[in-house]
Amino acid sequence: MFLKFKGEKVWPVGNLYFRIDTGDKVDVDLKLEVDLGWVDVELWDFDFLSFNDHLGTFTFNVDDTPGEYSTSMKLLEKNSTASYIMHWEIL
């Protein structure tokens, strides 16, 4: 897996992808400077032999209220049973 923000890969830094298995929890430890309002971060599946797959998008509503939040990923495939949740924080 890897993450993209504004069309650019932002995680994992220094590697093409990060291997994630069912049930894994990963500390991404990524800081993004964003404007207030709606922000999208895309989750992609890395493929060696074919095009990478855009699995879905995390959409955040960023305002001036510091705190910790959670966002479920919106899946691109209607019949998919995948589930990803991102925990994030406004500093």
C-alpha atoms as a PDB file:
ATOM      1  CA  MET A   1       0.000   0.000   0.000  1.00  0.00           C
ATOM      2  CA  PHE A   2       0.945   3.636  -0.346  1.00  0.00           C
ATOM      3  CA  LEU A   3      -0.742   7.012   0.189  1.00  0.00           C
ATOM      4  CA  LYS A   4      -1.099   9.913  -2.244  1.00  0.00           C
ATOM      5  CA  PHE A   5      -1.965  13.533  -1.482  1.00  0.00           C
ATOM      6  CA  LYS A   6      -2.621  16.082  -4.240  1.00  0.00           C
ATOM      7  CA  GLY A   7      -1.456  13.543  -6.831  1.00  0.00           C
ATOM      8  CA  GLU A   8       1.909  12.860  -5.169  1.00  0.00           C
ATOM      9  CA  LYS A   9       2.985   9.780  -3.202  1.00  0.00           C
ATOM     10  CA  VAL A  10       3.553  10.891   0.413  1.00  0.00           C
ATOM     11  CA  TRP A  11       3.901   7.581   2.271  1.00  0.00           C
ATOM     12  CA  PRO A  12       5.885   5.439   2.848  1.00  0.00           C
ATOM     13  CA  VAL A  13       8.849   7.746   2.619  1.00  0.00           C
ATOM     14  CA  GLY A  14      11.898   6.078   1.069  1.00  0.00           C
ATOM     15  CA  ASN A  15      10.061   2.936  -0.121  1.00  0.00           C
ATOM     16  CA  LEU A  16       7.763   2.126  -3.047  1.00  0.00           C
ATOM     17  CA  TYR A  17       5.106   0.588  -0.789  1.00  0.00           C
ATOM     18  CA  PHE A  18       4.381  -0.762   2.700  1.00  0.00           C
ATOM     19  CA  ARG A  19       3.119  -4.331   3.107  1.00  0.00           C
ATOM     20  CA  ILE A  20      -0.140  -4.528   5.081  1.00  0.00           C
ATOM     21  CA  ASP A  21      -1.956  -7.763   5.918  1.00  0.00           C
ATOM     22  CA  THR A  22      -5.502  -8.324   7.163  1.00  0.00           C
ATOM     23  CA  GLY A  23      -5.911  -7.059  10.708  1.00  0.00           C
ATOM     24  CA  ASP A  24      -2.684  -5.024  10.721  1.00  0.00           C
ATOM     25  CA  LYS A  25      -2.539  -1.603  12.355  1.00  0.00           C
ATOM     26  CA  VAL A  26       0.135   0.728  11.044  1.00  0.00           C
ATOM     27  CA  ASP A  27       1.464   3.963  12.534  1.00  0.00           C
ATOM     28  CA  VAL A  28       1.864   6.090   9.402  1.00  0.00           C
ATOM     29  CA  ASP A  29       3.359   9.075  11.316  1.00  0.00           C
ATOM     30  CA  LEU A  30       2.816  11.485   8.434  1.00  0.00           C
ATOM     31  CA  LYS A  31       2.435  15.239   8.833  1.00  0.00           C
ATOM     32  CA  LEU A  32       0.670  17.157   6.067  1.00  0.00           C
ATOM     33  CA  GLU A  33       0.166  20.879   5.893  1.00  0.00           C
ATOM     34  CA  VAL A  34      -3.325  21.437   4.504  1.00  0.00           C
ATOM     35  CA  ASP A  35      -5.792  24.243   3.949  1.00  0.00           C
ATOM     36  CA  LEU A  36      -9.012  24.407   5.951  1.00  0.00           C
ATOM     37  CA  GLY A  37     -11.918  22.519   4.389  1.00  0.00           C
ATOM     38  CA  TRP A  38     -12.207  19.138   2.700  1.00  0.00           C
ATOM     39  CA  VAL A  39      -8.968  17.205   2.168  1.00  0.00           C
ATOM     40  CA  ASP A  40      -8.547  13.896   0.282  1.00  0.00           C
ATOM     41  CA  VAL A  41      -5.827  11.289   0.872  1.00  0.00           C
ATOM     42  CA  GLU A  42      -5.844   8.326  -1.524  1.00  0.00           C
ATOM     43  CA  LEU A  43      -4.966   4.714  -0.637  1.00  0.00           C
ATOM     44  CA  TRP A  44      -3.266   2.750  -3.424  1.00  0.00           C
ATOM     45  CA  ASP A  45      -2.284  -0.889  -3.838  1.00  0.00           C
ATOM     46  CA  PHE A  46       1.212  -1.316  -5.299  1.00  0.00           C
ATOM     47  CA  ASP A  47       1.574  -3.804  -8.175  1.00  0.00           C
ATOM     48  CA  PHE A  48       4.861  -4.941  -9.729  1.00  0.00           C
ATOM     49  CA  LEU A  49       3.444  -6.431 -12.937  1.00  0.00           C
ATOM     50  CA  SER A  50       0.452  -4.188 -13.656  1.00  0.00           C
ATOM     51  CA  PHE A  51      -0.819  -0.687 -12.975  1.00  0.00           C
ATOM     52  CA  ASN A  52      -1.242   0.291  -9.329  1.00  0.00           C
ATOM     53  CA  ASP A  53      -4.838   0.185  -8.064  1.00  0.00           C
ATOM     54  CA  HIS A  54      -6.549   3.173  -6.425  1.00  0.00           C
ATOM     55  CA  LEU A  55      -8.495   1.412  -3.667  1.00  0.00           C
ATOM     56  CA  GLY A  56     -10.283   4.405  -2.181  1.00  0.00           C
ATOM     57  CA  THR A  57     -10.086   7.817  -0.576  1.00  0.00           C
ATOM     58  CA  PHE A  58     -10.029   9.128   2.977  1.00  0.00           C
ATOM     59  CA  THR A  59     -11.897  12.469   3.083  1.00  0.00           C
ATOM     60  CA  PHE A  60     -11.233  14.802   6.008  1.00  0.00           C
ATOM     61  CA  ASN A  61     -13.002  18.017   6.994  1.00  0.00           C
ATOM     62  CA  VAL A  62     -10.211  20.107   8.487  1.00  0.00           C
ATOM     63  CA  ASP A  63     -11.171  23.112  10.616  1.00  0.00           C
ATOM     64  CA  ASP A  64      -9.564  25.164  13.385  1.00  0.00           C
ATOM     65  CA  THR A  65     -10.548  22.696  16.131  1.00  0.00           C
ATOM     66  CA  PRO A  66      -7.496  20.778  17.438  1.00  0.00           C
ATOM     67  CA  GLY A  67      -8.147  17.145  18.347  1.00  0.00           C
ATOM     68  CA  GLU A  68      -8.071  13.503  17.293  1.00  0.00           C
ATOM     69  CA  TYR A  69     -10.450  12.121  14.656  1.00  0.00           C
ATOM     70  CA  SER A  70     -11.174   8.948  12.634  1.00  0.00           C
ATOM     71  CA  THR A  71     -12.237   8.636   9.007  1.00  0.00           C
ATOM     72  CA  SER A  72     -13.392   5.541   7.106  1.00  0.00           C
ATOM     73  CA  MET A  73     -12.178   5.123   3.548  1.00  0.00           C
ATOM     74  CA  LYS A  74     -14.679   5.490   0.713  1.00  0.00           C
ATOM     75  CA  LEU A  75     -14.194   2.413  -1.486  1.00  0.00           C
ATOM     76  CA  LEU A  76     -14.051   2.720  -5.259  1.00  0.00           C
ATOM     77  CA  GLU A  77     -15.325  -0.831  -5.920  1.00  0.00           C
ATOM     78  CA  LYS A  78     -18.998  -1.198  -4.961  1.00  0.00           C
ATOM     79  CA  ASN A  79     -18.754  -4.938  -4.177  1.00  0.00           C
ATOM     80  CA  SER A  80     -15.546  -4.695  -2.140  1.00  0.00           C
ATOM     81  CA  THR A  81     -15.589  -5.765   1.499  1.00  0.00           C
ATOM     82  CA  ALA A  82     -12.323  -3.985   2.331  1.00  0.00           C
ATOM     83  CA  SER A  83     -12.386  -1.672   5.310  1.00  0.00           C
ATOM     84  CA  TYR A  84      -9.750   0.901   6.229  1.00  0.00           C
ATOM     85  CA  ILE A  85      -9.918   3.508   8.974  1.00  0.00           C
ATOM     86  CA  MET A  86      -7.442   6.327   9.381  1.00  0.00           C
ATOM     87  CA  HIS A  87      -6.948   8.026  12.737  1.00  0.00           C
ATOM     88  CA  TRP A  88      -5.700  11.596  12.363  1.00  0.00           C
ATOM     89  CA  GLU A  89      -5.107  14.714  14.387  1.00  0.00           C
ATOM     90  CA  ILE A  90      -5.323  18.478  13.940  1.00  0.00           C
ATOM     91  CA  LEU A  91      -2.493  20.223  15.766  1.00  0.00           C
END
